[in-house]
Amino acid sequence: MFENNLRWCREELEMTQAELGYIFGVSDAAVRAWETAHDSIPLPKLIKFCNMYDYSLDFVCGLTRKNIKYGKFETNKEKIGKRLKALRTKLNLSQQALADECKISQTTYSGYETGHYLINTSNLYYICKTYNVSMDYLVGRTNNPKISK
């Protein structure tokens, strides 16, 4: 998956893995798997964490070293889908090409763009890392598509 700052954030908040797991309704083993990149944190849980503790998605996911405080926001599959489509169009890629890069079916990727499915964290991270675009931008937290270094 990817390197991330989740552990650093949790420790800065003086929380144990068990305490964070309790907040998310998961085991401390699940939190440990997220922190060590053996599993990816589900996007709704990641957004909840960022909302609760005022972290940017880009910072928690290790895309940047700088935490920008954007404030709270709601997950909106349709808005995320529109931004994914706009990015893909700007990159002049077909849905099939982007789906192939993410190692998913074109039907699944199409579902992300139409807002039928919420993109998973791994695919969102891959797109952001590959095309140097802000995860906070793609989920609608900011209007700046660039990752703040």
N, C-alpha and C. Protein backbone atom coordinates (compact mmCIF):
# COMPACT_ATOMS: atom_id res chain seq x y z
N MET A 1 0.85 -1.18 0.00
CA MET A 1 0.00 0.00 0.00
C MET A 1 0.90 1.24 0.00
N PHE A 2 0.97 1.99 1.08
CA PHE A 2 1.76 3.21 1.07
C PHE A 2 2.21 3.56 2.48
N GLU A 3 3.27 4.32 2.53
CA GLU A 3 3.72 4.85 3.83
C GLU A 3 2.74 5.93 4.25
N ASN A 4 2.53 6.04 5.54
CA ASN A 4 1.59 7.05 5.99
C ASN A 4 2.01 7.60 7.34
N ASN A 5 1.34 8.64 7.76
CA ASN A 5 1.64 9.31 9.02
C ASN A 5 0.60 9.01 10.10
N LEU A 6 -0.21 7.99 9.90
CA LEU A 6 -1.27 7.70 10.86
C LEU A 6 -0.71 7.44 12.25
N ARG A 7 0.33 6.64 12.34
CA ARG A 7 0.93 6.36 13.65
C ARG A 7 1.43 7.64 14.31
N TRP A 8 2.13 8.46 13.53
CA TRP A 8 2.64 9.72 14.08
C TRP A 8 1.49 10.58 14.61
N CYS A 9 0.41 10.67 13.85
CA CYS A 9 -0.75 11.45 14.27
C CYS A 9 -1.35 10.88 15.56
N ARG A 10 -1.52 9.57 15.59
CA ARG A 10 -2.09 8.93 16.78
C ARG A 10 -1.22 9.19 18.00
N GLU A 11 0.08 9.05 17.83
CA GLU A 11 0.98 9.28 18.96
C GLU A 11 1.00 10.75 19.38
N GLU A 12 0.90 11.65 18.42
CA GLU A 12 0.82 13.08 18.75
C GLU A 12 -0.43 13.36 19.59
N LEU A 13 -1.49 12.61 19.32
CA LEU A 13 -2.75 12.76 20.07
C LEU A 13 -2.71 11.98 21.39
N GLU A 14 -1.57 11.31 21.65
CA GLU A 14 -1.38 10.51 22.87
C GLU A 14 -2.46 9.44 23.02
N MET A 15 -2.70 8.74 21.92
CA MET A 15 -3.70 7.69 21.86
C MET A 15 -3.02 6.35 21.62
N THR A 16 -3.59 5.31 22.16
CA THR A 16 -3.11 3.96 21.86
C THR A 16 -3.84 3.45 20.61
N GLN A 17 -3.32 2.37 20.05
CA GLN A 17 -4.00 1.75 18.92
C GLN A 17 -5.38 1.26 19.34
N ALA A 18 -5.49 0.77 20.56
CA ALA A 18 -6.78 0.29 21.06
C ALA A 18 -7.78 1.44 21.18
N GLU A 19 -7.33 2.59 21.64
CA GLU A 19 -8.23 3.75 21.77
C GLU A 19 -8.71 4.23 20.40
N LEU A 20 -7.79 4.29 19.45
CA LEU A 20 -8.19 4.70 18.10
C LEU A 20 -9.12 3.65 17.49
N GLY A 21 -8.82 2.40 17.72
CA GLY A 21 -9.68 1.32 17.24
C GLY A 21 -11.08 1.44 17.81
N TYR A 22 -11.19 1.79 19.07
CA TYR A 22 -12.50 1.96 19.71
C TYR A 22 -13.30 3.06 19.01
N ILE A 23 -12.64 4.15 18.69
CA ILE A 23 -13.32 5.27 18.01
C ILE A 23 -13.89 4.82 16.67
N PHE A 24 -13.13 3.97 15.97
CA PHE A 24 -13.55 3.51 14.64
C PHE A 24 -14.34 2.22 14.65
N GLY A 25 -14.46 1.61 15.82
CA GLY A 25 -15.19 0.35 15.90
C GLY A 25 -14.43 -0.81 15.27
N VAL A 26 -13.11 -0.77 15.39
CA VAL A 26 -12.25 -1.84 14.87
C VAL A 26 -11.27 -2.26 15.96
N SER A 27 -10.57 -3.34 15.72
CA SER A 27 -9.59 -3.82 16.69
C SER A 27 -8.29 -3.03 16.61
N ASP A 28 -7.49 -3.16 17.65
CA ASP A 28 -6.17 -2.53 17.60
C ASP A 28 -5.31 -3.16 16.51
N ALA A 29 -5.58 -4.43 16.20
CA ALA A 29 -4.86 -5.10 15.10
C ALA A 29 -5.16 -4.43 13.76
N ALA A 30 -6.40 -3.98 13.57
CA ALA A 30 -6.76 -3.28 12.33
C ALA A 30 -6.00 -1.96 12.25
N VAL A 31 -5.95 -1.24 13.36
CA VAL A 31 -5.21 0.03 13.40
C VAL A 31 -3.73 -0.23 13.10
N ARG A 32 -3.17 -1.27 13.70
CA ARG A 32 -1.77 -1.63 13.47
C ARG A 32 -1.54 -1.93 11.98
N ALA A 33 -2.46 -2.64 11.36
CA ALA A 33 -2.34 -2.95 9.93
C ALA A 33 -2.38 -1.68 9.08
N TRP A 34 -3.22 -0.72 9.47
CA TRP A 34 -3.27 0.56 8.74
C TRP A 34 -1.96 1.31 8.90
N GLU A 35 -1.45 1.35 10.13
CA GLU A 35 -0.23 2.11 10.40
C GLU A 35 1.00 1.52 9.72
N THR A 36 1.02 0.23 9.55
CA THR A 36 2.17 -0.43 8.93
C THR A 36 1.96 -0.69 7.45
N ALA A 37 0.88 -0.18 6.91
CA ALA A 37 0.56 -0.29 5.48
C ALA A 37 0.34 -1.73 5.03
N HIS A 38 -0.07 -2.59 5.95
CA HIS A 38 -0.46 -3.95 5.56
C HIS A 38 -1.91 -4.00 5.09
N ASP A 39 -2.64 -2.96 5.38
CA ASP A 39 -4.02 -2.81 4.93
C ASP A 39 -4.27 -1.32 4.81
N SER A 40 -5.25 -0.94 4.01
CA SER A 40 -5.54 0.49 3.88
C SER A 40 -6.78 0.83 4.70
N ILE A 41 -6.71 1.96 5.33
CA ILE A 41 -7.83 2.45 6.12
C ILE A 41 -8.97 2.80 5.16
N PRO A 42 -10.18 2.35 5.43
CA PRO A 42 -11.30 2.72 4.56
C PRO A 42 -11.46 4.24 4.50
N LEU A 43 -11.74 4.75 3.32
CA LEU A 43 -11.82 6.20 3.12
C LEU A 43 -12.77 6.89 4.10
N PRO A 44 -13.97 6.36 4.38
CA PRO A 44 -14.83 7.04 5.35
C PRO A 44 -14.18 7.14 6.74
N LYS A 45 -13.44 6.13 7.15
CA LYS A 45 -12.77 6.18 8.45
C LYS A 45 -11.61 7.17 8.42
N LEU A 46 -10.89 7.21 7.31
CA LEU A 46 -9.80 8.17 7.17
C LEU A 46 -10.34 9.60 7.22
N ILE A 47 -11.42 9.84 6.53
CA ILE A 47 -12.03 11.17 6.53
C ILE A 47 -12.53 11.51 7.93
N LYS A 48 -13.13 10.55 8.61
CA LYS A 48 -13.60 10.77 9.98
C LYS A 48 -12.42 11.18 10.88
N PHE A 49 -11.31 10.46 10.76
CA PHE A 49 -10.12 10.77 11.55
C PHE A 49 -9.65 12.20 11.26
N CYS A 50 -9.55 12.54 9.97
CA CYS A 50 -9.09 13.88 9.60
C CYS A 50 -10.05 14.96 10.09
N ASN A 51 -11.33 14.71 10.03
CA ASN A 51 -12.32 15.66 10.54
C ASN A 51 -12.21 15.82 12.06
N MET A 52 -12.07 14.71 12.77
CA MET A 52 -12.05 14.75 14.24
C MET A 52 -10.82 15.46 14.78
N TYR A 53 -9.69 15.27 14.11
CA TYR A 53 -8.43 15.77 14.66
C TYR A 53 -7.74 16.82 13.80
N ASP A 54 -8.45 17.33 12.80
CA ASP A 54 -7.98 18.44 11.98
C ASP A 54 -6.67 18.16 11.26
N TYR A 55 -6.61 17.01 10.61
CA TYR A 55 -5.47 16.67 9.76
C TYR A 55 -5.92 16.68 8.31
N SER A 56 -4.97 16.94 7.41
CA SER A 56 -5.29 16.83 5.99
C SER A 56 -5.09 15.39 5.55
N LEU A 57 -5.85 14.98 4.57
CA LEU A 57 -5.69 13.64 4.01
C LEU A 57 -4.29 13.48 3.42
N ASP A 58 -3.82 14.51 2.74
CA ASP A 58 -2.50 14.45 2.13
C ASP A 58 -1.42 14.19 3.19
N PHE A 59 -1.55 14.81 4.35
CA PHE A 59 -0.57 14.63 5.41
C PHE A 59 -0.66 13.23 6.02
N VAL A 60 -1.86 12.81 6.38
CA VAL A 60 -2.01 11.50 7.02
C VAL A 60 -1.55 10.39 6.07
N CYS A 61 -1.80 10.54 4.78
CA CYS A 61 -1.42 9.51 3.81
C CYS A 61 0.02 9.62 3.34
N GLY A 62 0.75 10.60 3.85
CA GLY A 62 2.17 10.70 3.52
C GLY A 62 2.46 11.33 2.17
N LEU A 63 1.50 12.02 1.59
CA LEU A 63 1.74 12.69 0.32
C LEU A 63 2.48 14.01 0.51
N THR A 64 2.42 14.54 1.72
CA THR A 64 3.08 15.79 2.05
C THR A 64 3.57 15.74 3.49
N ARG A 65 4.52 16.58 3.79
CA ARG A 65 5.04 16.68 5.17
C ARG A 65 4.35 17.79 5.94
N LYS A 66 3.51 18.53 5.25
CA LYS A 66 2.86 19.71 5.84
C LYS A 66 1.38 19.42 6.07
N ASN A 67 0.92 19.63 7.29
CA ASN A 67 -0.51 19.46 7.58
C ASN A 67 -1.22 20.79 7.38
N ILE A 68 -2.19 20.80 6.50
CA ILE A 68 -3.01 21.98 6.29
C ILE A 68 -4.37 21.70 6.90
N LYS A 69 -4.85 22.63 7.70
CA LYS A 69 -6.13 22.44 8.38
C LYS A 69 -7.24 23.02 7.51
N TYR A 70 -8.04 22.11 6.94
CA TYR A 70 -9.12 22.51 6.04
C TYR A 70 -10.47 22.61 6.73
N GLY A 71 -10.59 22.07 7.92
CA GLY A 71 -11.87 22.05 8.59
C GLY A 71 -12.66 20.80 8.21
N LYS A 72 -13.82 20.68 8.78
CA LYS A 72 -14.65 19.48 8.58
C LYS A 72 -15.33 19.51 7.20
N PHE A 73 -15.62 18.31 6.70
CA PHE A 73 -16.34 18.18 5.45
C PHE A 73 -17.05 16.84 5.41
N GLU A 74 -17.99 16.73 4.54
CA GLU A 74 -18.76 15.51 4.37
C GLU A 74 -18.28 14.76 3.14
N THR A 75 -18.30 13.45 3.21
CA THR A 75 -17.94 12.62 2.07
C THR A 75 -19.08 12.68 1.05
N ASN A 76 -18.75 13.00 -0.18
CA ASN A 76 -19.75 13.10 -1.23
C ASN A 76 -19.25 12.33 -2.45
N LYS A 77 -19.79 11.12 -2.64
CA LYS A 77 -19.34 10.25 -3.74
C LYS A 77 -19.47 10.92 -5.10
N GLU A 78 -20.55 11.68 -5.29
CA GLU A 78 -20.78 12.32 -6.58
C GLU A 78 -19.73 13.39 -6.86
N LYS A 79 -19.40 14.19 -5.84
CA LYS A 79 -18.40 15.24 -6.00
C LYS A 79 -17.02 14.63 -6.27
N ILE A 80 -16.70 13.57 -5.54
CA ILE A 80 -15.43 12.89 -5.76
C ILE A 80 -15.39 12.35 -7.19
N GLY A 81 -16.50 11.75 -7.62
CA GLY A 81 -16.58 11.21 -8.98
C GLY A 81 -16.38 12.27 -10.05
N LYS A 82 -16.98 13.44 -9.84
CA LYS A 82 -16.82 14.53 -10.81
C LYS A 82 -15.37 14.99 -10.89
N ARG A 83 -14.72 15.06 -9.74
CA ARG A 83 -13.31 15.50 -9.74
C ARG A 83 -12.42 14.43 -10.36
N LEU A 84 -12.72 13.16 -10.12
CA LEU A 84 -11.95 12.09 -10.76
C LEU A 84 -12.10 12.16 -12.27
N LYS A 85 -13.32 12.38 -12.73
CA LYS A 85 -13.56 12.46 -14.17
C LYS A 85 -12.84 13.67 -14.77
N ALA A 86 -12.90 14.80 -14.08
CA ALA A 86 -12.22 16.00 -14.58
C ALA A 86 -10.71 15.77 -14.67
N LEU A 87 -10.15 15.11 -13.66
CA LEU A 87 -8.71 14.82 -13.68
C LEU A 87 -8.37 13.88 -14.84
N ARG A 88 -9.15 12.82 -14.99
CA ARG A 88 -8.90 11.86 -16.06
C ARG A 88 -8.98 12.53 -17.42
N THR A 89 -9.97 13.39 -17.60
CA THR A 89 -10.15 14.11 -18.86
C THR A 89 -8.96 15.04 -19.11
N LYS A 90 -8.52 15.75 -18.07
CA LYS A 90 -7.37 16.64 -18.19
C LYS A 90 -6.11 15.86 -18.57
N LEU A 91 -5.99 14.65 -18.06
CA LEU A 91 -4.83 13.81 -18.35
C LEU A 91 -4.96 13.11 -19.71
N ASN A 92 -6.12 13.28 -20.33
CA ASN A 92 -6.41 12.66 -21.62
C ASN A 92 -6.28 11.14 -21.56
N LEU A 93 -6.85 10.55 -20.50
CA LEU A 93 -6.85 9.10 -20.32
C LEU A 93 -8.27 8.57 -20.46
N SER A 94 -8.38 7.37 -20.96
CA SER A 94 -9.69 6.70 -20.99
C SER A 94 -9.94 6.09 -19.61
N GLN A 95 -11.19 5.78 -19.33
CA GLN A 95 -11.50 5.07 -18.09
C GLN A 95 -10.75 3.75 -18.05
N GLN A 96 -10.68 3.06 -19.17
CA GLN A 96 -9.99 1.78 -19.23
C GLN A 96 -8.51 1.92 -18.87
N ALA A 97 -7.87 2.95 -19.40
CA ALA A 97 -6.45 3.17 -19.12
C ALA A 97 -6.20 3.44 -17.64
N LEU A 98 -7.03 4.27 -17.04
CA LEU A 98 -6.87 4.57 -15.61
C LEU A 98 -7.21 3.36 -14.76
N ALA A 99 -8.24 2.63 -15.16
CA ALA A 99 -8.61 1.41 -14.44
C ALA A 99 -7.48 0.40 -14.51
N ASP A 100 -6.87 0.25 -15.67
CA ASP A 100 -5.75 -0.68 -15.82
C ASP A 100 -4.59 -0.28 -14.90
N GLU A 101 -4.31 1.01 -14.82
CA GLU A 101 -3.23 1.48 -13.94
C GLU A 101 -3.52 1.15 -12.48
N CYS A 102 -4.79 1.26 -12.09
CA CYS A 102 -5.19 0.98 -10.71
C CYS A 102 -5.41 -0.51 -10.46
N LYS A 103 -5.31 -1.31 -11.54
CA LYS A 103 -5.52 -2.76 -11.47
C LYS A 103 -6.93 -3.11 -10.99
N ILE A 104 -7.90 -2.39 -11.56
CA ILE A 104 -9.32 -2.64 -11.30
C ILE A 104 -10.04 -2.70 -12.63
N SER A 105 -11.28 -3.13 -12.60
CA SER A 105 -12.06 -3.19 -13.84
C SER A 105 -12.52 -1.79 -14.24
N GLN A 106 -12.76 -1.64 -15.53
CA GLN A 106 -13.28 -0.36 -16.03
C GLN A 106 -14.65 -0.09 -15.44
N THR A 107 -15.43 -1.13 -15.21
CA THR A 107 -16.76 -0.98 -14.62
C THR A 107 -16.66 -0.40 -13.21
N THR A 108 -15.72 -0.90 -12.44
CA THR A 108 -15.52 -0.37 -11.08
C THR A 108 -15.10 1.09 -11.14
N TYR A 109 -14.12 1.39 -12.00
CA TYR A 109 -13.67 2.78 -12.11
C TYR A 109 -14.82 3.69 -12.56
N SER A 110 -15.60 3.22 -13.51
CA SER A 110 -16.75 4.00 -13.97
C SER A 110 -17.71 4.28 -12.81
N GLY A 111 -17.88 3.30 -11.94
CA GLY A 111 -18.72 3.48 -10.75
C GLY A 111 -18.20 4.56 -9.83
N TYR A 112 -16.87 4.70 -9.77
CA TYR A 112 -16.28 5.80 -8.97
C TYR A 112 -16.65 7.14 -9.58
N GLU A 113 -16.46 7.26 -10.91
CA GLU A 113 -16.71 8.53 -11.57
C GLU A 113 -18.18 8.94 -11.55
N THR A 114 -19.08 7.98 -11.61
CA THR A 114 -20.51 8.31 -11.61
C THR A 114 -21.06 8.49 -10.20
N GLY A 115 -20.25 8.23 -9.20
CA GLY A 115 -20.70 8.38 -7.82
C GLY A 115 -21.50 7.21 -7.31
N HIS A 116 -21.50 6.11 -8.04
CA HIS A 116 -22.20 4.91 -7.56
C HIS A 116 -21.42 4.23 -6.45
N TYR A 117 -20.08 4.31 -6.52
CA TYR A 117 -19.23 3.72 -5.50
C TYR A 117 -18.27 4.78 -4.98
N LEU A 118 -17.94 4.67 -3.72
CA LEU A 118 -16.91 5.53 -3.15
C LEU A 118 -15.56 4.88 -3.43
N ILE A 119 -14.67 5.62 -4.03
CA ILE A 119 -13.35 5.09 -4.35
C ILE A 119 -12.66 4.62 -3.07
N ASN A 120 -11.91 3.54 -3.16
CA ASN A 120 -11.21 3.09 -1.95
C ASN A 120 -9.91 3.87 -1.78
N THR A 121 -9.40 3.85 -0.58
CA THR A 121 -8.24 4.66 -0.23
C THR A 121 -7.02 4.28 -1.07
N SER A 122 -6.81 3.00 -1.29
CA SER A 122 -5.64 2.56 -2.07
C SER A 122 -5.66 3.13 -3.48
N ASN A 123 -6.79 3.05 -4.15
CA ASN A 123 -6.87 3.57 -5.52
C ASN A 123 -6.76 5.09 -5.54
N LEU A 124 -7.37 5.75 -4.57
CA LEU A 124 -7.28 7.20 -4.50
C LEU A 124 -5.84 7.63 -4.27
N TYR A 125 -5.16 6.96 -3.35
CA TYR A 125 -3.76 7.27 -3.08
C TYR A 125 -2.92 7.07 -4.34
N TYR A 126 -3.13 5.94 -5.03
CA TYR A 126 -2.35 5.65 -6.23
C TYR A 126 -2.52 6.76 -7.28
N ILE A 127 -3.74 7.18 -7.49
CA ILE A 127 -4.00 8.24 -8.47
C ILE A 127 -3.31 9.54 -8.04
N CYS A 128 -3.44 9.87 -6.76
CA CYS A 128 -2.84 11.12 -6.26
C CYS A 128 -1.32 11.08 -6.37
N LYS A 129 -0.73 9.98 -5.98
CA LYS A 129 0.73 9.84 -6.02
C LYS A 129 1.23 9.83 -7.46
N THR A 130 0.57 9.10 -8.34
CA THR A 130 1.01 8.98 -9.73
C THR A 130 0.90 10.30 -10.48
N TYR A 131 -0.18 11.03 -10.25
CA TYR A 131 -0.44 12.25 -11.02
C TYR A 131 -0.21 13.53 -10.23
N ASN A 132 0.39 13.39 -9.05
CA ASN A 132 0.76 14.54 -8.22
C ASN A 132 -0.43 15.48 -7.98
N VAL A 133 -1.52 14.89 -7.54
CA VAL A 133 -2.72 15.68 -7.25
C VAL A 133 -3.09 15.46 -5.79
N SER A 134 -3.65 16.47 -5.18
CA SER A 134 -4.01 16.43 -3.77
C SER A 134 -5.22 15.52 -3.51
N MET A 135 -5.08 14.65 -2.52
CA MET A 135 -6.18 13.80 -2.09
C MET A 135 -7.29 14.67 -1.50
N ASP A 136 -6.89 15.71 -0.77
CA ASP A 136 -7.88 16.64 -0.20
C ASP A 136 -8.68 17.32 -1.31
N TYR A 137 -8.03 17.61 -2.43
CA TYR A 137 -8.73 18.19 -3.57
C TYR A 137 -9.74 17.20 -4.16
N LEU A 138 -9.30 15.97 -4.40
CA LEU A 138 -10.19 15.01 -5.05
C LEU A 138 -11.41 14.67 -4.20
N VAL A 139 -11.30 14.75 -2.88
CA VAL A 139 -12.48 14.47 -2.05
C VAL A 139 -13.29 15.73 -1.77
N GLY A 140 -12.83 16.87 -2.26
CA GLY A 140 -13.62 18.09 -2.15
C GLY A 140 -13.34 18.96 -0.95
N ARG A 141 -12.23 18.75 -0.27
CA ARG A 141 -11.88 19.56 0.90
C ARG A 141 -11.27 20.89 0.51
N THR A 142 -10.65 20.97 -0.64
CA THR A 142 -9.99 22.19 -1.09
C THR A 142 -10.19 22.33 -2.60
N ASN A 143 -10.01 23.52 -3.09
CA ASN A 143 -10.11 23.74 -4.52
C ASN A 143 -8.73 23.79 -5.18
N ASN A 144 -7.69 23.53 -4.39
CA ASN A 144 -6.32 23.52 -4.92
C ASN A 144 -5.92 22.08 -5.25
N PRO A 145 -5.73 21.79 -6.54
CA PRO A 145 -5.41 20.41 -6.92
C PRO A 145 -3.96 20.00 -6.62
N LYS A 146 -3.09 20.95 -6.29
CA LYS A 146 -1.68 20.66 -6.06
C LYS A 146 -1.45 20.17 -4.63
N ILE A 147 -0.52 19.25 -4.49
CA ILE A 147 -0.10 18.80 -3.17
C ILE A 147 0.84 19.84 -2.59
N SER A 148 0.56 20.31 -1.40
CA SER A 148 1.43 21.27 -0.72
C SER A 148 2.61 20.52 -0.12
N LYS A 149 3.78 20.82 -0.58
CA LYS A 149 4.98 20.13 -0.07
C LYS A 149 5.38 20.77 1.21
